[in-house]
Amino acid sequence: MQHLALAIRTVAAWSVTLLIVFPLIWLVLTAFKTELQAIAVPPELFFTPTLENFHEVQERSDYLLFATNSLITSLLSTVIGLAIAAPAAYSMAFFRTRKTKDLLMWMLSTKMMPAVGALVPVYVMAQTAGLLDTLTGLTIIFTLSNLPIMVWMLYSGFKDIPPDILEAARMDGATIWGEFMHVIRPLATGTLASTGLLCLVLSWNEAFWSLNLSAAKAGTLAGLIASYSSPEGLFWAKLSCASLMAIAPIVVLGWFSQKQLVQGLTFGAVK
């Protein structure tokens, strides 16, 4: 019975894995097809790969410009978000009040509201401030969108640090800044890394705000992908190619940083 149960679990695990990975595999295959091959019925599993789509995406849309915009907004929003969320989470974790949990729940509740519900006021404010189609405007909205998650993750990680260590540091005369930099930061490296990586991924993949608040100047890779949907129809091969070029950098980053990400999440960043 044990062998049968193990076989069932193995088959189930592989089945779920294939279901998750299949769309990515199909995306990669379609990116190397011609447009006729991409829409062929039945689908062509055996074909001669072509790099035509990659050349056309770069020549038509300037992939490097969109990728640079995504990189700038993602990195800046992550750094600024950590600079704001870390002190906030530190204060909530080690200087709790009766309203701390209420404040945390209110912050989390803001993520439950559909983004489209705030589109009009955000758009009007961005237009009034001259931030439409600017990297500054996207960086601000990405930062604000990710702050609740960042505060929650850091709060959960900081709260797991034994208070006795902090009391010892305070008895030795450590200031709040010294306590954070020399005690909290080394102990919470995994939490900080996982929080930063997660928010970097969220900012990189953000599509709703990118498509509604940016155009030619500050367009991100989400805009590049959307550009291959037109009234004439979808260019499946080029759309797949643009999507592959958009997700490839973040997939590679996630692959090489998976150890830090899993470690940070496992050590209390998310419960």
C-alpha atoms as a PDB file:
ATOM      1  CA  MET A   1       0.000   0.000   0.000  1.00  0.00           C
ATOM      2  CA  GLN A   2       2.848   2.367   0.788  1.00  0.00           C
ATOM      3  CA  HIS A   3       4.353   1.856  -2.670  1.00  0.00           C
ATOM      4  CA  LEU A   4       0.943   2.449  -4.270  1.00  0.00           C
ATOM      5  CA  ALA A   5       0.436   5.640  -2.256  1.00  0.00           C
ATOM      6  CA  LEU A   6       3.914   6.838  -3.205  1.00  0.00           C
ATOM      7  CA  ALA A   7       3.232   6.118  -6.888  1.00  0.00           C
ATOM      8  CA  ILE A   8      -0.079   7.996  -6.746  1.00  0.00           C
ATOM      9  CA  ARG A   9       1.567  11.014  -5.102  1.00  0.00           C
ATOM     10  CA  THR A  10       4.365  10.961  -7.680  1.00  0.00           C
ATOM     11  CA  VAL A  11       1.942  10.827 -10.606  1.00  0.00           C
ATOM     12  CA  ALA A  12      -0.179  13.581  -9.055  1.00  0.00           C
ATOM     13  CA  ALA A  13       2.870  15.779  -8.502  1.00  0.00           C
ATOM     14  CA  TRP A  14       4.080  15.320 -12.080  1.00  0.00           C
ATOM     15  CA  SER A  15       0.582  15.966 -13.423  1.00  0.00           C
ATOM     16  CA  VAL A  16       0.287  19.245 -11.527  1.00  0.00           C
ATOM     17  CA  THR A  17       3.795  20.235 -12.608  1.00  0.00           C
ATOM     18  CA  LEU A  18       2.999  19.587 -16.266  1.00  0.00           C
ATOM     19  CA  LEU A  19      -0.213  21.601 -15.990  1.00  0.00           C
ATOM     20  CA  ILE A  20       1.738  24.533 -14.582  1.00  0.00           C
ATOM     21  CA  VAL A  21       4.678  24.293 -16.983  1.00  0.00           C
ATOM     22  CA  PHE A  22       2.719  23.469 -20.159  1.00  0.00           C
ATOM     23  CA  PRO A  23       1.662  27.083 -20.952  1.00  0.00           C
ATOM     24  CA  LEU A  24       5.295  28.183 -20.696  1.00  0.00           C
ATOM     25  CA  ILE A  25       6.449  25.339 -22.943  1.00  0.00           C
ATOM     26  CA  TRP A  26       3.755  26.209 -25.497  1.00  0.00           C
ATOM     27  CA  LEU A  27       4.766  29.879 -25.314  1.00  0.00           C
ATOM     28  CA  VAL A  28       8.386  29.009 -26.083  1.00  0.00           C
ATOM     29  CA  LEU A  29       7.417  26.773 -29.001  1.00  0.00           C
ATOM     30  CA  THR A  30       5.081  29.377 -30.507  1.00  0.00           C
ATOM     31  CA  ALA A  31       7.745  32.086 -30.248  1.00  0.00           C
ATOM     32  CA  PHE A  32       9.897  30.142 -32.728  1.00  0.00           C
ATOM     33  CA  LYS A  33       7.086  29.523 -35.237  1.00  0.00           C
ATOM     34  CA  THR A  34       5.877  31.584 -38.155  1.00  0.00           C
ATOM     35  CA  GLU A  35       2.434  33.179 -37.922  1.00  0.00           C
ATOM     36  CA  LEU A  36       0.943  30.478 -40.161  1.00  0.00           C
ATOM     37  CA  GLN A  37       2.459  27.719 -38.056  1.00  0.00           C
ATOM     38  CA  ALA A  38       1.234  29.399 -34.857  1.00  0.00           C
ATOM     39  CA  ILE A  39      -2.422  29.283 -35.933  1.00  0.00           C
ATOM     40  CA  ALA A  40      -2.281  25.909 -37.679  1.00  0.00           C
ATOM     41  CA  VAL A  41      -5.014  23.402 -36.794  1.00  0.00           C
ATOM     42  CA  PRO A  42      -4.123  20.856 -35.599  1.00  0.00           C
ATOM     43  CA  PRO A  43      -1.087  22.432 -33.889  1.00  0.00           C
ATOM     44  CA  GLU A  44       2.303  21.695 -35.406  1.00  0.00           C
ATOM     45  CA  LEU A  45       4.551  20.085 -32.814  1.00  0.00           C
ATOM     46  CA  PHE A  46       7.403  19.453 -35.252  1.00  0.00           C
ATOM     47  CA  PHE A  47       8.618  22.450 -37.235  1.00  0.00           C
ATOM     48  CA  THR A  48      11.747  24.298 -38.280  1.00  0.00           C
ATOM     49  CA  PRO A  49      12.456  27.009 -35.657  1.00  0.00           C
ATOM     50  CA  THR A  50      12.888  30.578 -36.876  1.00  0.00           C
ATOM     51  CA  LEU A  51      14.294  33.734 -35.272  1.00  0.00           C
ATOM     52  CA  GLU A  52      12.213  35.981 -37.520  1.00  0.00           C
ATOM     53  CA  ASN A  53       9.887  37.002 -34.688  1.00  0.00           C
ATOM     54  CA  PHE A  54      12.741  38.069 -32.433  1.00  0.00           C
ATOM     55  CA  HIS A  55      14.254  40.274 -35.126  1.00  0.00           C
ATOM     56  CA  GLU A  56      10.897  41.852 -35.930  1.00  0.00           C
ATOM     57  CA  VAL A  57      10.035  42.535 -32.278  1.00  0.00           C
ATOM     58  CA  GLN A  58      13.347  44.309 -31.773  1.00  0.00           C
ATOM     59  CA  GLU A  59      13.172  46.308 -35.004  1.00  0.00           C
ATOM     60  CA  ARG A  60       9.514  47.287 -34.683  1.00  0.00           C
ATOM     61  CA  SER A  61       9.212  47.947 -30.961  1.00  0.00           C
ATOM     62  CA  ASP A  62      12.719  48.603 -29.582  1.00  0.00           C
ATOM     63  CA  TYR A  63      12.728  45.872 -26.952  1.00  0.00           C
ATOM     64  CA  LEU A  64      15.695  47.389 -25.125  1.00  0.00           C
ATOM     65  CA  LEU A  65      13.774  50.615 -24.433  1.00  0.00           C
ATOM     66  CA  PHE A  66      10.822  48.775 -22.895  1.00  0.00           C
ATOM     67  CA  ALA A  67      13.130  46.448 -20.945  1.00  0.00           C
ATOM     68  CA  THR A  68      15.120  49.401 -19.609  1.00  0.00           C
ATOM     69  CA  ASN A  69      11.924  51.132 -18.473  1.00  0.00           C
ATOM     70  CA  SER A  70      10.787  47.951 -16.709  1.00  0.00           C
ATOM     71  CA  LEU A  71      14.176  47.532 -15.051  1.00  0.00           C
ATOM     72  CA  ILE A  72      14.322  51.139 -13.824  1.00  0.00           C
ATOM     73  CA  THR A  73      10.792  51.235 -12.427  1.00  0.00           C
ATOM     74  CA  SER A  74      11.089  47.782 -10.835  1.00  0.00           C
ATOM     75  CA  LEU A  75      14.420  48.445  -9.135  1.00  0.00           C
ATOM     76  CA  LEU A  76      13.506  51.939  -7.950  1.00  0.00           C
ATOM     77  CA  SER A  77      10.109  50.913  -6.611  1.00  0.00           C
ATOM     78  CA  THR A  78      11.685  47.973  -4.767  1.00  0.00           C
ATOM     79  CA  VAL A  79      14.440  50.071  -3.179  1.00  0.00           C
ATOM     80  CA  ILE A  80      12.094  52.909  -2.220  1.00  0.00           C
ATOM     81  CA  GLY A  81       9.515  50.415  -0.958  1.00  0.00           C
ATOM     82  CA  LEU A  82      12.059  48.688   1.281  1.00  0.00           C
ATOM     83  CA  ALA A  83      13.247  52.051   2.606  1.00  0.00           C
ATOM     84  CA  ILE A  84       9.668  52.887   3.641  1.00  0.00           C
ATOM     85  CA  ALA A  85       8.393  49.444   4.647  1.00  0.00           C
ATOM     86  CA  ALA A  86      11.365  48.390   6.797  1.00  0.00           C
ATOM     87  CA  PRO A  87      11.064  51.218   9.373  1.00  0.00           C
ATOM     88  CA  ALA A  88       7.273  50.838   9.402  1.00  0.00           C
ATOM     89  CA  ALA A  89       7.476  47.078   9.998  1.00  0.00           C
ATOM     90  CA  TYR A  90      10.203  47.594  12.617  1.00  0.00           C
ATOM     91  CA  SER A  91       8.009  50.021  14.526  1.00  0.00           C
ATOM     92  CA  MET A  92       4.966  47.742  14.368  1.00  0.00           C
ATOM     93  CA  ALA A  93       6.918  44.631  15.382  1.00  0.00           C
ATOM     94  CA  PHE A  94       8.830  46.049  18.357  1.00  0.00           C
ATOM     95  CA  PHE A  95       6.728  49.015  19.489  1.00  0.00           C
ATOM     96  CA  ARG A  96       3.261  47.512  19.281  1.00  0.00           C
ATOM     97  CA  THR A  97       0.130  49.384  20.292  1.00  0.00           C
ATOM     98  CA  ARG A  98      -3.508  48.320  20.513  1.00  0.00           C
ATOM     99  CA  LYS A  99      -4.056  49.687  17.013  1.00  0.00           C
ATOM    100  CA  THR A 100      -1.163  47.828  15.351  1.00  0.00           C
ATOM    101  CA  LYS A 101      -3.222  44.844  14.175  1.00  0.00           C
ATOM    102  CA  ASP A 102      -6.027  47.122  13.003  1.00  0.00           C
ATOM    103  CA  LEU A 103      -3.539  49.147  10.981  1.00  0.00           C
ATOM    104  CA  LEU A 104      -2.037  46.020   9.438  1.00  0.00           C
ATOM    105  CA  MET A 105      -5.471  44.705   8.505  1.00  0.00           C
ATOM    106  CA  TRP A 106      -6.406  48.046   6.968  1.00  0.00           C
ATOM    107  CA  MET A 107      -3.219  48.019   4.884  1.00  0.00           C
ATOM    108  CA  LEU A 108      -3.948  44.475   3.725  1.00  0.00           C
ATOM    109  CA  SER A 109      -7.547  45.381   2.889  1.00  0.00           C
ATOM    110  CA  THR A 110      -6.337  47.943   0.346  1.00  0.00           C
ATOM    111  CA  LYS A 111      -5.010  45.035  -1.758  1.00  0.00           C
ATOM    112  CA  MET A 112      -8.489  43.509  -1.857  1.00  0.00           C
ATOM    113  CA  MET A 113      -9.917  46.423  -3.830  1.00  0.00           C
ATOM    114  CA  PRO A 114      -9.825  45.979  -7.622  1.00  0.00           C
ATOM    115  CA  ALA A 115      -7.243  48.299  -9.143  1.00  0.00           C
ATOM    116  CA  VAL A 116      -9.769  49.518 -11.694  1.00  0.00           C
ATOM    117  CA  GLY A 117     -11.760  51.040  -8.820  1.00  0.00           C
ATOM    118  CA  ALA A 118      -8.955  53.533  -8.209  1.00  0.00           C
ATOM    119  CA  LEU A 119      -8.058  54.132 -11.849  1.00  0.00           C
ATOM    120  CA  VAL A 120      -9.966  57.389 -12.376  1.00  0.00           C
ATOM    121  CA  PRO A 121      -8.685  59.267  -9.286  1.00  0.00           C
ATOM    122  CA  VAL A 122      -5.139  57.980  -9.794  1.00  0.00           C
ATOM    123  CA  TYR A 123      -5.223  58.947 -13.474  1.00  0.00           C
ATOM    124  CA  VAL A 124      -6.529  62.449 -12.664  1.00  0.00           C
ATOM    125  CA  MET A 125      -3.876  62.980  -9.973  1.00  0.00           C
ATOM    126  CA  ALA A 126      -1.109  61.748 -12.285  1.00  0.00           C
ATOM    127  CA  GLN A 127      -2.356  64.028 -15.077  1.00  0.00           C
ATOM    128  CA  THR A 128      -2.560  67.033 -12.739  1.00  0.00           C
ATOM    129  CA  ALA A 129       0.943  66.382 -11.429  1.00  0.00           C
ATOM    130  CA  GLY A 130       2.359  65.875 -14.927  1.00  0.00           C
ATOM    131  CA  LEU A 131       3.310  62.259 -14.197  1.00  0.00           C
ATOM    132  CA  LEU A 132       1.493  60.542 -17.046  1.00  0.00           C
ATOM    133  CA  ASP A 133       3.805  58.515 -19.285  1.00  0.00           C
ATOM    134  CA  THR A 134       6.780  59.093 -16.988  1.00  0.00           C
ATOM    135  CA  LEU A 135       9.039  56.658 -15.177  1.00  0.00           C
ATOM    136  CA  THR A 136       8.559  58.703 -12.015  1.00  0.00           C
ATOM    137  CA  GLY A 137       4.806  58.209 -12.091  1.00  0.00           C
ATOM    138  CA  LEU A 138       5.094  54.455 -12.649  1.00  0.00           C
ATOM    139  CA  THR A 139       7.700  54.133  -9.907  1.00  0.00           C
ATOM    140  CA  ILE A 140       5.420  55.890  -7.423  1.00  0.00           C
ATOM    141  CA  ILE A 141       2.365  53.778  -8.249  1.00  0.00           C
ATOM    142  CA  PHE A 142       4.393  50.532  -8.205  1.00  0.00           C
ATOM    143  CA  THR A 143       5.820  51.451  -4.808  1.00  0.00           C
ATOM    144  CA  LEU A 144       2.426  52.290  -3.332  1.00  0.00           C
ATOM    145  CA  SER A 145       0.886  49.127  -4.776  1.00  0.00           C
ATOM    146  CA  ASN A 146       3.500  46.878  -3.170  1.00  0.00           C
ATOM    147  CA  LEU A 147       3.860  48.627   0.192  1.00  0.00           C
ATOM    148  CA  PRO A 148       1.116  46.667   2.036  1.00  0.00           C
ATOM    149  CA  ILE A 149       2.666  43.341   1.043  1.00  0.00           C
ATOM    150  CA  MET A 150       6.164  44.542   1.913  1.00  0.00           C
ATOM    151  CA  VAL A 151       5.125  45.782   5.353  1.00  0.00           C
ATOM    152  CA  TRP A 152       3.302  42.537   6.116  1.00  0.00           C
ATOM    153  CA  MET A 153       6.211  40.343   5.062  1.00  0.00           C
ATOM    154  CA  LEU A 154       8.784  42.372   6.970  1.00  0.00           C
ATOM    155  CA  TYR A 155       6.535  42.620  10.027  1.00  0.00           C
ATOM    156  CA  SER A 156       6.129  38.827  10.114  1.00  0.00           C
ATOM    157  CA  GLY A 157       9.870  38.326   9.755  1.00  0.00           C
ATOM    158  CA  PHE A 158      10.874  40.947  12.339  1.00  0.00           C
ATOM    159  CA  LYS A 159       8.363  39.605  14.860  1.00  0.00           C
ATOM    160  CA  ASP A 160      10.172  36.247  14.920  1.00  0.00           C
ATOM    161  CA  ILE A 161      13.375  37.851  16.196  1.00  0.00           C
ATOM    162  CA  PRO A 162      13.824  37.106  19.939  1.00  0.00           C
ATOM    163  CA  PRO A 163      13.189  40.294  21.963  1.00  0.00           C
ATOM    164  CA  ASP A 164      15.999  39.364  24.384  1.00  0.00           C
ATOM    165  CA  ILE A 165      18.553  40.177  21.677  1.00  0.00           C
ATOM    166  CA  LEU A 166      17.120  43.656  21.269  1.00  0.00           C
ATOM    167  CA  GLU A 167      17.021  44.239  25.014  1.00  0.00           C
ATOM    168  CA  ALA A 168      20.694  43.279  25.245  1.00  0.00           C
ATOM    169  CA  ALA A 169      21.551  45.726  22.461  1.00  0.00           C
ATOM    170  CA  ARG A 170      19.621  48.510  24.174  1.00  0.00           C
ATOM    171  CA  MET A 171      21.371  47.832  27.474  1.00  0.00           C
ATOM    172  CA  ASP A 172      24.664  48.217  25.623  1.00  0.00           C
ATOM    173  CA  GLY A 173      23.547  51.676  24.520  1.00  0.00           C
ATOM    174  CA  ALA A 174      22.489  50.915  20.946  1.00  0.00           C
ATOM    175  CA  THR A 175      20.408  53.618  19.283  1.00  0.00           C
ATOM    176  CA  ILE A 176      17.311  52.759  17.245  1.00  0.00           C
ATOM    177  CA  TRP A 177      19.315  53.161  14.027  1.00  0.00           C
ATOM    178  CA  GLY A 178      22.185  51.072  15.396  1.00  0.00           C
ATOM    179  CA  GLU A 179      19.755  48.437  16.635  1.00  0.00           C
ATOM    180  CA  PHE A 180      18.175  48.170  13.223  1.00  0.00           C
ATOM    181  CA  MET A 181      21.414  48.169  11.225  1.00  0.00           C
ATOM    182  CA  HIS A 182      23.556  45.946  13.456  1.00  0.00           C
ATOM    183  CA  VAL A 183      20.983  43.612  15.016  1.00  0.00           C
ATOM    184  CA  ILE A 184      17.771  43.499  12.996  1.00  0.00           C
ATOM    185  CA  ARG A 185      19.269  43.688   9.507  1.00  0.00           C
ATOM    186  CA  PRO A 186      21.730  40.769   9.878  1.00  0.00           C
ATOM    187  CA  LEU A 187      19.096  38.549  11.503  1.00  0.00           C
ATOM    188  CA  ALA A 188      16.448  39.428   8.919  1.00  0.00           C
ATOM    189  CA  THR A 189      18.587  39.211   5.780  1.00  0.00           C
ATOM    190  CA  GLY A 190      16.461  36.389   4.366  1.00  0.00           C
ATOM    191  CA  THR A 191      13.250  38.296   5.018  1.00  0.00           C
ATOM    192  CA  LEU A 192      14.593  41.474   3.430  1.00  0.00           C
ATOM    193  CA  ALA A 193      15.888  39.560   0.409  1.00  0.00           C
ATOM    194  CA  SER A 194      12.671  37.625  -0.143  1.00  0.00           C
ATOM    195  CA  THR A 195      10.573  40.767   0.247  1.00  0.00           C
ATOM    196  CA  GLY A 196      12.718  42.677  -2.218  1.00  0.00           C
ATOM    197  CA  LEU A 197      12.715  39.845  -4.757  1.00  0.00           C
ATOM    198  CA  LEU A 198       8.960  39.356  -4.543  1.00  0.00           C
ATOM    199  CA  CYS A 199       8.249  43.049  -5.016  1.00  0.00           C
ATOM    200  CA  LEU A 200      10.735  43.225  -7.875  1.00  0.00           C
ATOM    201  CA  VAL A 201       8.811  40.429  -9.608  1.00  0.00           C
ATOM    202  CA  LEU A 202       5.454  42.099  -8.907  1.00  0.00           C
ATOM    203  CA  SER A 203       6.667  45.416 -10.310  1.00  0.00           C
ATOM    204  CA  TRP A 204       8.222  43.765 -13.368  1.00  0.00           C
ATOM    205  CA  ASN A 205       4.976  41.906 -14.122  1.00  0.00           C
ATOM    206  CA  GLU A 206       2.655  44.842 -13.398  1.00  0.00           C
ATOM    207  CA  ALA A 207       0.419  45.387 -16.422  1.00  0.00           C
ATOM    208  CA  PHE A 208      -2.704  47.275 -15.358  1.00  0.00           C
ATOM    209  CA  TRP A 209      -1.043  50.495 -14.233  1.00  0.00           C
ATOM    210  CA  SER A 210       1.622  50.290 -16.922  1.00  0.00           C
ATOM    211  CA  LEU A 211      -0.947  50.138 -19.707  1.00  0.00           C
ATOM    212  CA  ASN A 212      -3.138  52.901 -18.267  1.00  0.00           C
ATOM    213  CA  LEU A 213      -0.503  55.378 -17.079  1.00  0.00           C
ATOM    214  CA  SER A 214       2.189  55.071 -19.734  1.00  0.00           C
ATOM    215  CA  ALA A 215       2.563  55.142 -23.517  1.00  0.00           C
ATOM    216  CA  ALA A 216       5.562  55.532 -25.808  1.00  0.00           C
ATOM    217  CA  LYS A 217       8.036  57.263 -23.472  1.00  0.00           C
ATOM    218  CA  ALA A 218       7.682  55.241 -20.283  1.00  0.00           C
ATOM    219  CA  GLY A 219       6.135  52.067 -21.674  1.00  0.00           C
ATOM    220  CA  THR A 220       7.204  48.852 -19.958  1.00  0.00           C
ATOM    221  CA  LEU A 221       7.341  45.315 -21.306  1.00  0.00           C
ATOM    222  CA  ALA A 222       3.623  44.954 -20.580  1.00  0.00           C
ATOM    223  CA  GLY A 223       3.034  47.625 -23.211  1.00  0.00           C
ATOM    224  CA  LEU A 224       5.305  45.795 -25.630  1.00  0.00           C
ATOM    225  CA  ILE A 225       3.215  42.646 -25.291  1.00  0.00           C
ATOM    226  CA  ALA A 226      -0.081  44.530 -25.618  1.00  0.00           C
ATOM    227  CA  SER A 227       1.102  46.190 -28.833  1.00  0.00           C
ATOM    228  CA  TYR A 228       0.726  42.877 -30.689  1.00  0.00           C
ATOM    229  CA  SER A 229      -3.019  42.875 -30.126  1.00  0.00           C
ATOM    230  CA  SER A 230      -4.687  44.933 -32.841  1.00  0.00           C
ATOM    231  CA  PRO A 231      -8.122  45.332 -34.482  1.00  0.00           C
ATOM    232  CA  GLU A 232      -6.857  43.041 -37.243  1.00  0.00           C
ATOM    233  CA  GLY A 233      -6.380  40.251 -34.699  1.00  0.00           C
ATOM    234  CA  LEU A 234      -3.688  38.715 -32.561  1.00  0.00           C
ATOM    235  CA  PHE A 235      -0.242  38.019 -33.988  1.00  0.00           C
ATOM    236  CA  TRP A 236       0.248  34.844 -31.978  1.00  0.00           C
ATOM    237  CA  ALA A 237       3.862  34.145 -32.925  1.00  0.00           C
ATOM    238  CA  LYS A 238       5.036  37.711 -32.304  1.00  0.00           C
ATOM    239  CA  LEU A 239       2.887  37.957 -29.177  1.00  0.00           C
ATOM    240  CA  SER A 240       4.496  34.797 -27.816  1.00  0.00           C
ATOM    241  CA  CYS A 241       7.936  36.073 -28.771  1.00  0.00           C
ATOM    242  CA  ALA A 242       7.375  39.409 -26.994  1.00  0.00           C
ATOM    243  CA  SER A 243       6.025  37.574 -23.933  1.00  0.00           C
ATOM    244  CA  LEU A 244       9.039  35.262 -23.861  1.00  0.00           C
ATOM    245  CA  MET A 245      11.435  38.193 -24.098  1.00  0.00           C
ATOM    246  CA  ALA A 246       9.520  39.930 -21.293  1.00  0.00           C
ATOM    247  CA  ILE A 247       9.492  37.054 -18.813  1.00  0.00           C
ATOM    248  CA  ALA A 248      12.952  35.635 -19.571  1.00  0.00           C
ATOM    249  CA  PRO A 249      14.968  38.088 -17.395  1.00  0.00           C
ATOM    250  CA  ILE A 250      12.740  37.693 -14.339  1.00  0.00           C
ATOM    251  CA  VAL A 251      12.589  33.903 -14.726  1.00  0.00           C
ATOM    252  CA  VAL A 252      16.395  33.742 -14.822  1.00  0.00           C
ATOM    253  CA  LEU A 253      16.598  36.001 -11.747  1.00  0.00           C
ATOM    254  CA  GLY A 254      14.084  33.836  -9.897  1.00  0.00           C
ATOM    255  CA  TRP A 255      15.983  30.680 -10.811  1.00  0.00           C
ATOM    256  CA  PHE A 256      19.296  31.936  -9.425  1.00  0.00           C
ATOM    257  CA  SER A 257      17.744  33.538  -6.320  1.00  0.00           C
ATOM    258  CA  GLN A 258      15.278  30.777  -5.453  1.00  0.00           C
ATOM    259  CA  LYS A 259      17.330  29.689  -2.444  1.00  0.00           C
ATOM    260  CA  GLN A 260      17.210  33.148  -0.864  1.00  0.00           C
ATOM    261  CA  LEU A 261      13.544  33.568  -1.757  1.00  0.00           C
ATOM    262  CA  VAL A 262      12.455  30.236  -0.267  1.00  0.00           C
ATOM    263  CA  GLN A 263      14.660  30.760   2.784  1.00  0.00           C
ATOM    264  CA  GLY A 264      13.166  34.163   3.478  1.00  0.00           C
ATOM    265  CA  LEU A 265       9.594  32.951   3.053  1.00  0.00           C
ATOM    266  CA  THR A 266      10.213  29.872   5.188  1.00  0.00           C
ATOM    267  CA  PHE A 267      11.794  31.799   8.060  1.00  0.00           C
ATOM    268  CA  GLY A 268       8.598  33.650   8.789  1.00  0.00           C
ATOM    269  CA  ALA A 269       8.256  36.197   6.031  1.00  0.00           C
ATOM    270  CA  VAL A 270       4.798  34.820   5.248  1.00  0.00           C
ATOM    271  CA  LYS A 271       2.657  32.738   7.584  1.00  0.00           C
END
